[in-house]
N, C-alpha and C. Protein backbone atom coordinates (compact mmCIF):
# COMPACT_ATOMS: atom_id res chain seq x y z
N UNK A 1 -9.25 -2.42 9.75
CA UNK A 1 -9.82 -2.82 8.47
C UNK A 1 -8.85 -3.37 7.66
N UNK A 2 -9.32 -4.47 6.87
CA UNK A 2 -8.86 -5.12 5.07
C UNK A 2 -8.53 -4.21 4.53
N UNK A 3 -7.20 -4.97 3.92
CA UNK A 3 -6.61 -4.07 3.05
C UNK A 3 -5.50 -4.38 2.09
N UNK A 4 -6.33 -4.87 0.80
CA UNK A 4 -5.60 -5.48 -0.56
C UNK A 4 -4.50 -4.39 -1.10
N UNK A 5 -3.16 -4.38 -1.44
CA UNK A 5 -2.78 -3.69 -1.75
C UNK A 5 -1.79 -4.32 -2.91
N UNK A 6 -2.39 -3.86 -4.20
CA UNK A 6 -1.75 -4.77 -5.44
C UNK A 6 -0.14 -3.77 -5.79
N UNK A 7 0.61 -4.06 -5.66
CA UNK A 7 2.72 -3.84 -6.02
C UNK A 7 2.78 -3.52 -4.63
N UNK A 8 4.25 -4.45 -5.17
CA UNK A 8 5.24 -4.48 -3.54
C UNK A 8 6.03 -3.70 -3.77
N UNK A 9 6.09 -2.80 -4.31
CA UNK A 9 7.18 -1.66 -4.83
C UNK A 9 7.68 -0.73 -3.64
N UNK A 10 8.45 0.16 -3.41
CA UNK A 10 8.44 1.12 -2.78
C UNK A 10 7.41 1.62 -1.98
N UNK A 11 6.52 2.03 -2.95
CA UNK A 11 5.18 2.70 -2.43
C UNK A 11 4.32 1.78 -1.73
N UNK A 12 3.95 0.62 -2.58
CA UNK A 12 3.19 -0.57 -1.46
C UNK A 12 3.88 -1.00 -0.39
N UNK A 13 5.09 -1.28 -0.33
CA UNK A 13 5.52 -1.48 0.59
C UNK A 13 5.82 -0.70 1.95
N UNK A 14 5.71 0.39 1.49
CA UNK A 14 5.97 1.45 2.97
C UNK A 14 4.50 1.17 3.16
N UNK A 15 3.49 1.46 2.13
CA UNK A 15 2.05 1.83 3.02
C UNK A 15 1.50 0.74 3.64
N UNK A 16 1.90 -0.71 3.52
CA UNK A 16 1.70 -1.91 3.71
C UNK A 16 2.60 -1.62 5.38
N UNK A 17 3.73 -1.65 4.93
CA UNK A 17 4.78 -1.57 6.32
C UNK A 17 3.53 -0.91 7.37
N UNK A 18 3.47 0.92 7.51
CA UNK A 18 2.91 1.06 7.62
C UNK A 18 1.51 0.94 8.68
N UNK A 19 1.02 0.54 8.09
CA UNK A 19 -0.54 0.09 7.87
C UNK A 19 -0.70 -1.44 9.48
N UNK A 20 0.10 -2.11 9.03
CA UNK A 20 -0.05 -3.22 9.31
C UNK A 20 1.33 -3.24 10.97
N UNK A 21 1.91 -2.16 10.80
CA UNK A 21 2.24 -1.78 12.30
C UNK A 21 0.39 -0.61 13.30
N UNK A 22 0.10 -0.06 12.36
CA UNK A 22 -0.87 0.15 12.97
C UNK A 22 -2.11 -1.00 13.38
N UNK A 23 -1.70 -2.12 13.04
CA UNK A 23 -2.89 -3.24 13.35
C UNK A 23 -3.91 -3.23 12.06
N UNK A 24 -3.55 -2.87 11.38
CA UNK A 24 -4.82 -3.43 9.93
C UNK A 24 -4.52 -5.05 8.99
N UNK A 25 -5.10 -5.45 8.56
CA UNK A 25 -5.10 -6.45 8.31
C UNK A 25 -4.43 -6.35 6.53
N UNK A 26 -3.48 -6.73 6.00
CA UNK A 26 -3.11 -6.30 4.88
C UNK A 26 -2.50 -7.47 4.63
N UNK A 27 -2.85 -7.71 2.69
CA UNK A 27 -2.37 -8.38 2.14
C UNK A 27 -1.46 -8.15 0.51
N UNK A 28 -0.52 -8.04 0.11
CA UNK A 28 -0.32 -7.68 -1.28
C UNK A 28 0.15 -8.75 -2.31
N UNK A 29 -0.17 -7.50 -3.12
CA UNK A 29 -0.11 -8.54 -4.57
C UNK A 29 1.46 -8.22 -5.70
N UNK A 30 2.23 -9.36 -5.90
CA UNK A 30 3.07 -8.33 -6.90
C UNK A 30 3.52 -9.53 -7.61
N UNK A 31 4.14 -9.42 -8.81
CA UNK A 31 4.75 -10.64 -10.01
C UNK A 31 5.95 -10.62 -9.39
N UNK A 32 6.80 -9.74 -9.45
CA UNK A 32 7.90 -9.79 -9.10
C UNK A 32 8.37 -10.38 -7.66
N UNK A 33 9.13 -11.67 -8.22
CA UNK A 33 9.53 -12.19 -6.84
C UNK A 33 10.55 -11.58 -6.05
N UNK A 34 11.19 -11.30 -6.17
CA UNK A 34 12.29 -10.36 -5.65
C UNK A 34 11.69 -9.02 -4.56
N UNK A 35 10.16 -8.51 -5.24
CA UNK A 35 9.05 -7.64 -4.28
C UNK A 35 8.69 -8.73 -3.74
N UNK A 36 8.42 -9.94 -3.80
CA UNK A 36 7.49 -10.47 -3.36
C UNK A 36 8.35 -11.10 -2.23
N UNK A 37 9.84 -11.68 -2.34
CA UNK A 37 10.77 -11.88 -0.85
C UNK A 37 9.92 -11.12 -0.01
N UNK A 38 10.46 -9.34 -0.56
CA UNK A 38 11.05 -8.86 0.59
C UNK A 38 9.09 -8.16 1.06
N UNK A 39 8.00 -7.99 0.89
CA UNK A 39 7.27 -8.20 1.24
C UNK A 39 6.74 -9.71 2.29
N UNK A 40 7.55 -10.27 2.00
CA UNK A 40 7.07 -11.41 3.03
C UNK A 40 7.68 -11.35 4.39
N UNK A 41 8.61 -10.31 3.94
CA UNK A 41 8.93 -9.49 5.95
C UNK A 41 7.93 -9.47 6.49
N UNK A 42 7.50 -8.85 6.36
CA UNK A 42 6.05 -8.01 7.19
C UNK A 42 5.12 -9.11 7.65
N UNK A 43 4.16 -8.56 8.49
CA UNK A 43 3.44 -9.69 8.78
C UNK A 43 1.52 -9.11 8.35
N UNK A 44 2.05 -9.94 6.91
CA UNK A 44 0.91 -9.56 6.08
C UNK A 44 0.47 -10.67 4.97
N UNK A 45 -0.42 -11.37 4.68
CA UNK A 45 -0.73 -11.82 3.55
C UNK A 45 0.45 -11.56 1.93
N UNK A 46 1.01 -12.57 1.37
CA UNK A 46 1.59 -12.64 0.18
C UNK A 46 0.94 -13.19 -1.22
N UNK A 47 0.62 -12.89 -2.06
CA UNK A 47 0.68 -13.64 -3.18
C UNK A 47 1.95 -13.39 -4.41
N UNK A 48 2.05 -13.89 -5.31
CA UNK A 48 2.74 -13.60 -6.19
C UNK A 48 1.58 -14.19 -7.43
N UNK A 49 1.64 -12.48 -8.45
CA UNK A 49 0.88 -12.98 -9.90
C UNK A 49 0.51 -11.84 -10.07
N UNK A 50 -0.44 -11.94 -11.35
CA UNK A 50 -0.95 -10.44 -11.75
C UNK A 50 -2.08 -10.07 -11.03
N UNK A 51 -2.34 -8.76 -10.90
CA UNK A 51 -3.40 -7.74 -9.33
C UNK A 51 -4.22 -7.84 -10.15
N UNK A 52 -4.65 -8.30 -11.74
CA UNK A 52 -5.48 -7.78 -12.23
C UNK A 52 -6.17 -9.11 -12.24
N UNK A 53 -5.31 -10.38 -12.32
CA UNK A 53 -6.10 -11.62 -12.13
C UNK A 53 -7.57 -11.80 -11.71
N UNK A 54 -8.21 -12.00 -12.35
CA UNK A 54 -9.80 -12.10 -11.40
C UNK A 54 -9.85 -13.02 -10.90
N UNK A 55 -9.00 -14.42 -11.39
CA UNK A 55 -8.75 -15.48 -10.35
C UNK A 55 -8.58 -15.19 -9.03
N UNK A 56 -7.16 -14.37 -9.45
CA UNK A 56 -6.34 -14.04 -8.09
C UNK A 56 -7.04 -13.20 -7.13
N UNK A 57 -7.58 -12.16 -7.64
CA UNK A 57 -8.42 -11.58 -6.55
C UNK A 57 -9.32 -11.83 -6.18
N UNK A 58 -10.41 -12.91 -6.50
CA UNK A 58 -11.86 -13.48 -6.02
C UNK A 58 -11.15 -14.66 -5.23
N UNK A 59 -10.73 -15.69 -6.06
CA UNK A 59 -10.65 -16.81 -5.14
C UNK A 59 -8.78 -16.98 -4.40
N UNK A 60 -8.29 -16.30 -4.61
CA UNK A 60 -6.77 -16.55 -3.69
C UNK A 60 -7.07 -15.39 -2.72
N UNK A 61 -7.13 -14.33 -2.88
CA UNK A 61 -7.24 -13.24 -2.27
C UNK A 61 -8.66 -12.38 -1.57
N UNK A 62 -9.49 -13.27 -1.43
CA UNK A 62 -10.38 -12.93 -1.79
C UNK A 62 -11.25 -11.46 -1.15
N UNK A 63 -10.94 -11.16 -2.38
CA UNK A 63 -11.08 -9.52 -2.52
C UNK A 63 -12.94 -8.87 -2.26
N UNK A 64 -13.57 -9.94 -2.19
CA UNK A 64 -15.43 -9.69 -1.26
C UNK A 64 -15.17 -9.24 0.12
N UNK A 65 -14.52 -10.06 0.74
CA UNK A 65 -13.80 -9.43 2.11
C UNK A 65 -13.61 -8.76 2.45
N UNK A 66 -12.68 -7.65 0.82
CA UNK A 66 -11.58 -6.66 1.35
C UNK A 66 -12.25 -5.32 2.12
N UNK A 67 -11.97 -4.08 2.52
CA UNK A 67 -12.65 -3.07 3.00
C UNK A 67 -12.00 -2.21 1.83
N UNK A 68 -10.87 -2.18 1.48
CA UNK A 68 -9.85 -0.61 0.71
C UNK A 68 -9.10 -2.20 -0.27
N UNK A 69 -9.17 -1.42 -1.69
CA UNK A 69 -8.16 -1.97 -2.65
C UNK A 69 -7.35 -0.50 -3.13
N UNK A 70 -5.77 -1.04 -3.23
CA UNK A 70 -4.82 0.38 -3.90
C UNK A 70 -4.03 -0.24 -4.68
N UNK A 71 -4.38 -0.09 -5.92
CA UNK A 71 -3.57 -0.26 -6.70
C UNK A 71 -1.90 0.96 -7.20
N UNK A 72 -0.79 0.46 -6.52
CA UNK A 72 0.14 0.93 -7.03
C UNK A 72 1.22 0.47 -7.70
N UNK A 73 0.66 -0.62 -8.34
CA UNK A 73 2.01 -1.11 -9.29
C UNK A 73 2.74 -0.11 -10.16
N UNK A 74 3.78 -0.69 -11.10
CA UNK A 74 4.26 1.03 -12.05
C UNK A 74 3.27 0.63 -13.36
N UNK A 75 2.45 -0.49 -13.28
CA UNK A 75 1.72 -0.14 -14.87
C UNK A 75 -0.13 0.25 -14.00
N UNK A 76 -0.33 1.59 -14.87
CA UNK A 76 -1.71 2.00 -14.72
C UNK A 76 -2.53 0.65 -15.07
N UNK A 77 -2.14 0.40 -16.35
CA UNK A 77 -3.38 -0.47 -16.63
C UNK A 77 -3.81 -1.65 -15.61
N UNK A 78 -2.86 -2.04 -15.29
CA UNK A 78 -3.31 -3.24 -14.32
C UNK A 78 -3.88 -2.55 -12.43
N UNK A 79 -3.44 -1.10 -12.54
CA UNK A 79 -3.92 -0.68 -11.32
C UNK A 79 -5.37 -0.38 -11.01
N UNK A 80 -5.75 -0.28 -12.40
CA UNK A 80 -7.33 0.29 -12.99
C UNK A 80 -8.01 -0.71 -13.27
N UNK A 81 -7.43 -1.66 -13.92
CA UNK A 81 -8.09 -3.22 -13.57
C UNK A 81 -8.65 -3.84 -12.67
N UNK A 82 -7.55 -4.48 -11.45
CA UNK A 82 -7.85 -4.49 -10.52
C UNK A 82 -8.89 -3.50 -9.78
N UNK A 83 -8.53 -2.31 -9.90
CA UNK A 83 -9.60 -1.13 -8.87
C UNK A 83 -11.18 -1.86 -9.56
N UNK A 84 -11.22 -1.83 -10.85
CA UNK A 84 -12.34 -1.95 -11.46
C UNK A 84 -13.13 -3.67 -10.95
N UNK A 85 -12.44 -4.50 -10.76
CA UNK A 85 -12.84 -5.65 -10.28
C UNK A 85 -12.95 -5.65 -8.82
N UNK A 86 -12.11 -5.12 -8.33
CA UNK A 86 -12.44 -4.94 -6.80
C UNK A 86 -13.86 -3.79 -6.34
N UNK A 87 -13.58 -3.03 -6.95
CA UNK A 87 -15.39 -2.31 -7.20
C UNK A 87 -16.44 -3.19 -7.27
N UNK A 88 -16.63 -3.88 -8.19
CA UNK A 88 -17.44 -4.62 -8.62
C UNK A 88 -17.38 -5.56 -7.30
N UNK A 89 -16.95 -5.67 -7.01
CA UNK A 89 -17.13 -6.73 -5.41
C UNK A 89 -16.98 -5.88 -4.17
N UNK A 90 -17.46 -4.58 -4.67
CA UNK A 90 -18.16 -3.97 -3.37
C UNK A 90 -16.99 -3.31 -1.87
N UNK A 91 -15.97 -3.04 -3.25
CA UNK A 91 -14.79 -2.52 -2.21
C UNK A 91 -14.57 -0.65 -2.51
N UNK A 92 -13.75 -0.39 -1.34
CA UNK A 92 -13.57 1.27 -1.58
C UNK A 92 -11.90 1.01 -2.54
N UNK A 93 -11.58 1.58 -3.64
CA UNK A 93 -10.46 1.80 -3.91
C UNK A 93 -10.10 2.90 -4.72
N UNK A 94 -8.51 2.95 -4.63
CA UNK A 94 -7.25 3.93 -4.71
C UNK A 94 -6.23 3.83 -6.28
N UNK A 95 -5.93 3.98 -6.94
CA UNK A 95 -4.78 3.49 -7.68
C UNK A 95 -4.03 4.60 -7.97
N UNK A 96 -2.35 3.94 -8.42
CA UNK A 96 -1.77 5.31 -8.88
C UNK A 96 -1.98 5.53 -10.43
N UNK A 97 -2.48 6.22 -10.84
CA UNK A 97 -2.10 6.73 -12.25
C UNK A 97 -1.48 7.95 -12.82
N UNK A 98 -0.63 7.70 -13.97
CA UNK A 98 0.47 8.35 -14.44
C UNK A 98 0.39 8.95 -15.52
N UNK A 99 -0.57 8.06 -16.61
CA UNK A 99 -0.65 8.35 -17.91
C UNK A 99 -1.48 9.30 -17.78
N UNK A 100 -1.73 10.22 -18.40
CA UNK A 100 -2.64 11.59 -18.74
C UNK A 100 -3.74 10.94 -19.62
N UNK A 101 -4.00 9.81 -19.86
CA UNK A 101 -4.21 9.32 -21.07
C UNK A 101 -5.47 8.59 -20.03
N UNK A 102 -5.38 8.50 -19.19
CA UNK A 102 -6.43 7.49 -17.79
C UNK A 102 -7.13 8.54 -17.39
N UNK A 103 -6.48 9.84 -17.14
CA UNK A 103 -6.86 10.37 -16.08
C UNK A 103 -7.68 12.10 -16.82
N UNK A 104 -7.26 11.82 -18.19
CA UNK A 104 -8.14 13.34 -18.78
C UNK A 104 -8.87 12.77 -19.51
N UNK A 105 -10.46 13.13 -18.38
CA UNK A 105 -12.18 12.54 -18.90
C UNK A 105 -12.68 13.48 -19.42
N UNK A 106 -13.58 12.71 -19.81
CA UNK A 106 -15.08 14.20 -20.52
C UNK A 106 -15.58 14.66 -18.75
N UNK A 107 -15.62 16.08 -18.98
CA UNK A 107 -15.96 16.66 -17.55
C UNK A 107 -17.39 16.68 -17.12
N UNK A 108 -18.36 15.39 -17.79
CA UNK A 108 -19.20 14.67 -17.09
C UNK A 108 -19.40 13.36 -16.55
N UNK A 109 -18.11 13.07 -16.89
CA UNK A 109 -17.96 11.56 -16.67
C UNK A 109 -16.65 11.56 -15.02
N UNK A 110 -16.68 10.30 -15.04
CA UNK A 110 -15.61 10.32 -13.24
C UNK A 110 -14.85 9.39 -13.87
N UNK A 111 -13.60 9.14 -12.86
CA UNK A 111 -13.09 7.33 -12.69
C UNK A 111 -13.92 6.37 -12.36
N UNK A 112 -14.50 6.96 -11.10
CA UNK A 112 -15.32 5.69 -10.92
C UNK A 112 -16.48 5.30 -11.64
N UNK A 113 -17.01 6.22 -12.52
CA UNK A 113 -17.94 5.21 -13.25
C UNK A 113 -17.69 5.09 -14.59
N UNK A 114 -16.35 5.51 -15.17
CA UNK A 114 -15.70 4.59 -15.84
C UNK A 114 -14.88 3.55 -15.75
N UNK A 115 -14.06 3.29 -14.22
CA UNK A 115 -13.15 2.51 -14.20
C UNK A 115 -13.37 1.96 -12.98
N UNK A 116 -13.95 2.35 -11.84
CA UNK A 116 -14.54 1.96 -10.63
C UNK A 116 -13.12 2.40 -9.68
N UNK A 117 -12.28 3.68 -9.92
CA UNK A 117 -11.61 3.79 -9.13
C UNK A 117 -12.46 5.14 -8.64
N UNK A 118 -12.22 5.20 -7.02
CA UNK A 118 -12.81 6.03 -6.60
C UNK A 118 -11.81 7.23 -6.69
N UNK A 119 -10.91 7.10 -5.92
CA UNK A 119 -9.09 8.38 -5.81
C UNK A 119 -8.70 7.74 -6.44
N UNK A 120 -7.97 8.96 -7.32
CA UNK A 120 -6.71 8.29 -7.53
C UNK A 120 -5.00 9.18 -7.42
N UNK A 121 -3.99 8.63 -7.52
CA UNK A 121 -2.78 9.42 -6.97
C UNK A 121 -1.86 9.60 -7.83
N UNK A 122 -1.63 11.11 -8.28
CA UNK A 122 -0.46 11.22 -9.63
C UNK A 122 0.03 12.58 -9.24
N UNK A 123 1.38 12.41 -9.17
CA UNK A 123 2.54 11.83 -9.96
C UNK A 123 3.34 10.96 -8.40
N UNK A 124 4.08 10.09 -9.13
CA UNK A 124 4.74 8.77 -8.01
C UNK A 124 5.14 9.52 -6.63
N UNK A 125 5.57 10.27 -6.68
CA UNK A 125 6.47 10.89 -5.22
C UNK A 125 5.07 10.96 -4.24
N UNK A 126 3.77 11.56 -5.13
CA UNK A 126 2.69 12.43 -4.20
C UNK A 126 1.84 10.67 -3.59
N UNK A 127 1.95 9.94 -4.12
CA UNK A 127 1.58 8.31 -4.22
C UNK A 127 1.02 8.03 -2.53
N UNK A 128 2.52 7.72 -1.80
CA UNK A 128 2.08 6.93 -0.41
C UNK A 128 2.00 7.76 0.79
N UNK A 129 2.08 9.17 0.70
CA UNK A 129 2.21 10.35 1.40
C UNK A 129 -0.06 10.53 1.55
N UNK A 130 0.16 10.48 0.34
CA UNK A 130 -1.77 10.95 0.28
C UNK A 130 -2.33 9.58 0.48
N UNK A 131 -2.04 8.63 0.04
CA UNK A 131 -2.64 7.37 0.64
C UNK A 131 -3.40 7.49 2.14
N UNK A 132 -1.57 7.25 2.79
CA UNK A 132 -1.52 7.41 4.13
C UNK A 132 -2.26 8.42 5.26
N UNK A 133 -2.04 9.71 4.38
CA UNK A 133 -3.09 10.59 5.09
C UNK A 133 -4.52 10.20 5.03
N UNK A 134 -5.10 9.58 3.97
CA UNK A 134 -6.38 9.17 3.97
C UNK A 134 -6.27 8.69 5.15
N UNK A 135 -5.80 7.40 5.14
CA UNK A 135 -6.00 6.38 5.91
C UNK A 135 -5.73 6.60 7.87
N UNK A 136 -4.86 7.78 7.93
CA UNK A 136 -4.66 7.92 9.14
C UNK A 136 -4.97 9.44 10.04
N UNK A 137 -5.03 10.18 8.89
CA UNK A 137 -5.15 11.69 9.91
C UNK A 137 -6.46 11.51 10.78
N UNK A 138 -6.48 11.97 11.81
CA UNK A 138 -7.83 12.32 12.69
C UNK A 138 -8.46 13.55 12.42
N UNK A 139 -8.21 14.41 11.94
CA UNK A 139 -8.73 15.83 12.04
C UNK A 139 -9.45 15.77 9.99
N UNK A 140 -10.00 16.47 10.21
CA UNK A 140 -10.72 17.40 8.55
C UNK A 140 -9.68 17.73 7.62
N UNK A 141 -9.37 17.56 6.75
CA UNK A 141 -8.34 17.70 6.08
C UNK A 141 -8.18 17.64 4.75
N UNK A 142 -7.85 18.76 3.80
CA UNK A 142 -8.37 18.97 2.20
C UNK A 142 -7.19 18.34 1.86
N UNK A 143 -7.13 17.74 0.98
CA UNK A 143 -5.87 16.82 0.13
C UNK A 143 -6.25 17.37 -1.50
N UNK A 144 -5.57 18.59 -1.64
CA UNK A 144 -5.12 19.30 -2.69
C UNK A 144 -4.99 18.62 -3.97
N UNK A 145 -4.29 17.81 -4.00
CA UNK A 145 -3.81 16.97 -4.75
C UNK A 145 -4.18 15.58 -5.18
N UNK A 146 -5.25 14.79 -4.05
CA UNK A 146 -5.52 13.23 -4.34
C UNK A 146 -6.83 14.12 -4.59
N UNK A 147 -7.66 13.50 -6.19
CA UNK A 147 -8.48 14.16 -6.86
C UNK A 147 -8.44 13.18 -7.36
N UNK A 148 -10.36 13.58 -8.07
CA UNK A 148 -10.72 12.81 -9.38
C UNK A 148 -11.36 13.69 -9.99
N UNK A 149 -10.85 14.13 -10.96
CA UNK A 149 -11.21 15.48 -11.95
C UNK A 149 -11.38 16.63 -10.90
N UNK A 150 -12.38 16.89 -10.44
CA UNK A 150 -12.52 18.16 -9.25
C UNK A 150 -12.77 17.32 -7.92
N UNK A 151 -12.67 16.46 -7.82
CA UNK A 151 -13.25 15.94 -6.58
C UNK A 151 -12.07 15.76 -5.67
N UNK A 152 -12.57 15.93 -4.35
CA UNK A 152 -11.92 16.07 -3.22
C UNK A 152 -12.22 14.72 -2.39
N UNK A 153 -11.16 14.93 -1.08
CA UNK A 153 -10.81 13.78 -0.80
C UNK A 153 -10.74 13.77 0.80
N UNK A 154 -11.39 13.90 1.78
CA UNK A 154 -11.23 14.23 3.12
C UNK A 154 -11.57 13.38 3.87
N UNK A 155 -10.96 13.66 4.96
CA UNK A 155 -11.10 12.45 6.23
C UNK A 155 -11.76 13.55 7.33
N UNK A 156 -12.77 12.72 8.25
CA UNK A 156 -13.52 13.88 9.24
C UNK A 156 -13.71 12.72 10.29
N UNK A 157 -13.36 13.30 11.57
CA UNK A 157 -13.34 13.05 12.76
C UNK A 157 -14.87 12.98 13.12
N UNK A 158 -15.88 12.18 13.66
CA UNK A 158 -16.26 13.62 14.66
C UNK A 158 -16.60 13.10 15.86
N UNK A 159 -17.05 14.53 16.69
CA UNK A 159 -16.99 14.90 17.78
C UNK A 159 -17.83 13.95 18.34
N UNK A 160 -18.43 14.27 20.16
CA UNK A 160 -19.30 13.70 20.55
C UNK A 160 -20.37 14.91 20.52
N UNK A 161 -20.27 15.95 19.91
CA UNK A 161 -21.18 17.07 20.02
C UNK A 161 -21.57 17.55 18.22
N UNK A 162 -21.02 16.64 17.53
CA UNK A 162 -21.31 16.77 16.32
C UNK A 162 -22.59 16.85 15.74
N UNK A 163 -23.63 17.88 15.26
CA UNK A 163 -24.86 17.68 14.51
C UNK A 163 -25.20 16.96 13.81
N UNK A 164 -24.53 15.40 13.47
CA UNK A 164 -24.68 14.70 12.53
C UNK A 164 -24.78 12.91 13.25
N UNK A 165 -24.05 13.48 14.73
CA UNK A 165 -24.71 11.89 15.41
C UNK A 165 -25.87 11.51 15.64
N UNK A 166 -25.89 10.46 15.65
CA UNK A 166 -26.92 9.18 15.69
C UNK A 166 -28.27 9.67 14.82
N UNK A 167 -27.81 10.36 13.52
CA UNK A 167 -28.53 10.39 12.37
C UNK A 167 -28.31 9.13 11.04
N UNK A 168 -29.16 8.93 10.90
CA UNK A 168 -29.04 7.92 9.50
C UNK A 168 -28.39 8.79 8.14
N UNK A 169 -27.75 8.13 7.80
CA UNK A 169 -26.55 9.01 6.62
C UNK A 169 -27.78 9.46 5.35
N UNK A 170 -28.80 8.80 5.57
CA UNK A 170 -29.82 9.04 4.85
C UNK A 170 -30.53 10.40 4.86
N UNK A 171 -30.27 10.76 6.25
CA UNK A 171 -31.23 11.88 6.73
C UNK A 171 -30.31 12.79 6.75
N UNK A 172 -29.00 13.13 6.67
CA UNK A 172 -28.46 13.81 6.95
C UNK A 172 -28.57 14.91 5.46
N UNK A 173 -28.07 16.07 5.42
CA UNK A 173 -28.39 16.91 3.92
C UNK A 173 -27.24 17.14 3.56
N UNK A 174 -26.67 16.81 3.01
CA UNK A 174 -24.72 17.00 2.17
C UNK A 174 -24.85 17.63 1.28
N UNK A 175 -23.98 18.68 1.28
CA UNK A 175 -23.88 19.14 -0.11
C UNK A 175 -24.02 18.77 -1.24
N UNK A 176 -24.43 19.07 -2.45
CA UNK A 176 -24.35 18.82 -3.78
C UNK A 176 -23.08 18.06 -3.96
N UNK A 177 -23.28 17.08 -5.27
CA UNK A 177 -21.96 15.95 -5.50
C UNK A 177 -20.97 15.39 -3.98
N UNK A 178 -21.63 15.25 -2.99
CA UNK A 178 -21.11 14.91 -2.19
C UNK A 178 -21.59 13.47 -1.72
N UNK A 179 -20.42 12.31 -1.08
CA UNK A 179 -21.13 11.12 -1.33
C UNK A 179 -19.47 10.62 0.18
N UNK A 180 -20.10 10.34 1.31
CA UNK A 180 -19.45 9.46 1.99
C UNK A 180 -19.13 8.15 2.00
N UNK A 181 -18.28 7.39 1.73
CA UNK A 181 -17.62 6.05 0.97
C UNK A 181 -17.01 5.12 1.95
N UNK A 182 -16.52 5.82 3.28
CA UNK A 182 -16.36 4.70 4.24
C UNK A 182 -16.70 5.38 5.48
N UNK A 183 -17.20 4.53 6.79
CA UNK A 183 -16.99 4.80 8.13
C UNK A 183 -15.91 3.72 9.35
N UNK A 184 -14.88 4.06 9.22
CA UNK A 184 -13.92 3.67 10.70
C UNK A 184 -14.46 3.88 11.84
N UNK A 185 -14.94 2.78 12.57
CA UNK A 185 -14.92 2.97 14.04
C UNK A 185 -14.54 1.67 14.61
N UNK A 186 -13.99 1.83 15.71
CA UNK A 186 -13.54 0.41 16.81
C UNK A 186 -13.62 -0.74 16.12
N UNK A 187 -14.88 -1.45 16.19
CA UNK A 187 -15.18 -2.35 15.52
C UNK A 187 -14.74 -2.40 14.04
N UNK A 188 -14.92 -1.69 13.18
CA UNK A 188 -14.20 -1.93 12.14
C UNK A 188 -14.38 -1.17 11.04
N UNK A 189 -14.35 -1.65 9.81
CA UNK A 189 -14.67 0.25 8.66
C UNK A 189 -15.93 -0.96 8.24
N UNK A 190 -17.09 0.38 7.83
CA UNK A 190 -18.17 -0.09 6.74
C UNK A 190 -18.46 0.92 6.05
N UNK A 191 -18.79 -0.08 5.19
CA UNK A 191 -19.35 0.77 3.62
C UNK A 191 -20.56 0.88 4.03
N UNK A 192 -21.26 2.20 3.68
CA UNK A 192 -22.25 3.00 4.59
C UNK A 192 -23.78 3.01 3.78
N UNK A 193 -24.09 2.24 3.78
CA UNK A 193 -25.97 2.44 3.36
C UNK A 193 -26.68 3.74 3.77
N UNK A 194 -27.65 4.14 3.54
CA UNK A 194 -28.34 5.34 4.10
C UNK A 194 -28.97 4.80 5.03
N UNK A 195 -29.44 3.81 5.39
CA UNK A 195 -29.28 3.42 7.12
C UNK A 195 -28.57 3.82 8.24
N UNK A 196 -27.26 3.31 7.74
CA UNK A 196 -26.35 3.37 8.86
C UNK A 196 -25.90 4.70 9.42
N UNK A 197 -26.11 4.39 10.68
CA UNK A 197 -26.08 5.60 12.05
C UNK A 197 -24.83 5.89 11.83
N UNK A 198 -24.52 7.68 12.59
CA UNK A 198 -23.20 7.95 12.81
C UNK A 198 -23.14 8.14 13.73
N UNK A 199 -21.85 7.86 14.41
CA UNK A 199 -21.46 7.19 16.34
C UNK A 199 -20.52 8.42 16.34
N UNK A 200 -20.18 9.26 17.61
CA UNK A 200 -19.24 9.93 18.09
C UNK A 200 -18.19 8.71 18.01
N UNK A 201 -17.06 9.37 16.95
CA UNK A 201 -15.61 9.51 17.18
C UNK A 201 -15.22 8.49 15.83
N UNK A 202 -16.85 8.14 14.90
CA UNK A 202 -16.28 7.93 14.04
C UNK A 202 -15.29 8.07 12.64
N UNK A 203 -14.85 8.17 12.00
CA UNK A 203 -13.65 8.57 10.95
C UNK A 203 -14.25 8.26 9.29
N UNK A 204 -14.77 9.55 8.76
CA UNK A 204 -15.82 8.64 8.01
C UNK A 204 -14.60 9.47 6.75
N UNK A 205 -14.71 9.15 5.36
CA UNK A 205 -14.12 9.40 4.24
C UNK A 205 -14.91 10.11 3.27
N UNK A 206 -14.63 11.44 3.02
CA UNK A 206 -15.69 11.55 2.14
C UNK A 206 -15.04 11.99 0.51
N UNK A 207 -16.02 11.82 -0.27
CA UNK A 207 -15.09 12.45 -1.64
C UNK A 207 -15.96 13.78 -1.63
N UNK A 208 -16.04 15.02 -2.27
CA UNK A 208 -16.70 15.75 -2.31
C UNK A 208 -15.81 17.47 -3.02
N UNK A 209 -16.53 18.32 -3.91
CA UNK A 209 -16.17 19.24 -4.53
C UNK A 209 -15.72 20.54 -3.53
N UNK A 210 -16.65 21.12 -2.49
CA UNK A 210 -15.83 21.73 -1.57
C UNK A 210 -15.95 21.10 -0.41
N UNK A 211 -15.29 21.40 1.12
CA UNK A 211 -15.20 20.80 1.79
C UNK A 211 -15.52 21.74 3.09
N UNK A 212 -16.31 22.85 2.94
CA UNK A 212 -16.34 24.33 3.27
C UNK A 212 -17.41 24.30 4.30
N UNK A 213 -18.30 23.38 3.74
CA UNK A 213 -20.18 23.50 4.23
C UNK A 213 -19.79 22.03 5.45
N UNK A 214 -18.86 21.38 5.47
CA UNK A 214 -18.68 20.08 5.98
C UNK A 214 -17.70 20.31 7.89
N UNK A 215 -17.58 21.37 7.61
CA UNK A 215 -16.20 21.76 9.07
C UNK A 215 -17.32 21.48 10.21
N UNK A 216 -18.67 21.96 10.39
CA UNK A 216 -19.53 21.15 11.48
C UNK A 216 -19.44 20.11 11.70
N UNK A 217 -18.42 18.78 10.67
CA UNK A 217 -18.59 17.80 10.94
C UNK A 217 -17.15 17.21 12.11
N UNK A 218 -16.26 18.15 12.15
CA UNK A 218 -15.06 17.49 12.55
C UNK A 218 -15.18 18.36 13.91
N UNK A 219 -13.96 17.71 14.88
CA UNK A 219 -13.59 18.10 16.11
C UNK A 219 -12.94 19.54 15.67
């Protein structure tokens, strides 16, 4: 999986370090020279600059080739704008957002609709742990504090006997307000379409409001 992390501070550095250790392809962006120097100790690509710069994201960091963008700088506006650019380029997105002004939305709107943010973390101390849980946990997980409004984020690993194995996503009757946003398998990460077929041992990232109806997908 190719991951671009905006922010090489404590949270960004630790997430990047763990991802590199597990064999993922990682790049980081930070405007602070000391943070950049520290990040260069990792086996990762490092850029110095504004993580919300369209030129840096689209040209230097090749955002269109990235599977997941994670915005964890100290500025909500940069995290959100970076996610917006990344979403337009086809990435899945996560952001750290601390200001309630950006998390309190009208009930009929979501952060994805307004900002292009698939999921956000707040406050700071939850950020690294929740992001890493989503990326690494193999079993069905409910992350109650990782949400977009009332939306929950789950990761499910399919067993060989899962009733969904071998079926195109478009033929799976998912609960209302439920969306599969990422499929990870040995050969890489897939941003799914309705024609993609689920396979045994796929790890799928799901956004939904209730997870009980999906327990049959887990091993």
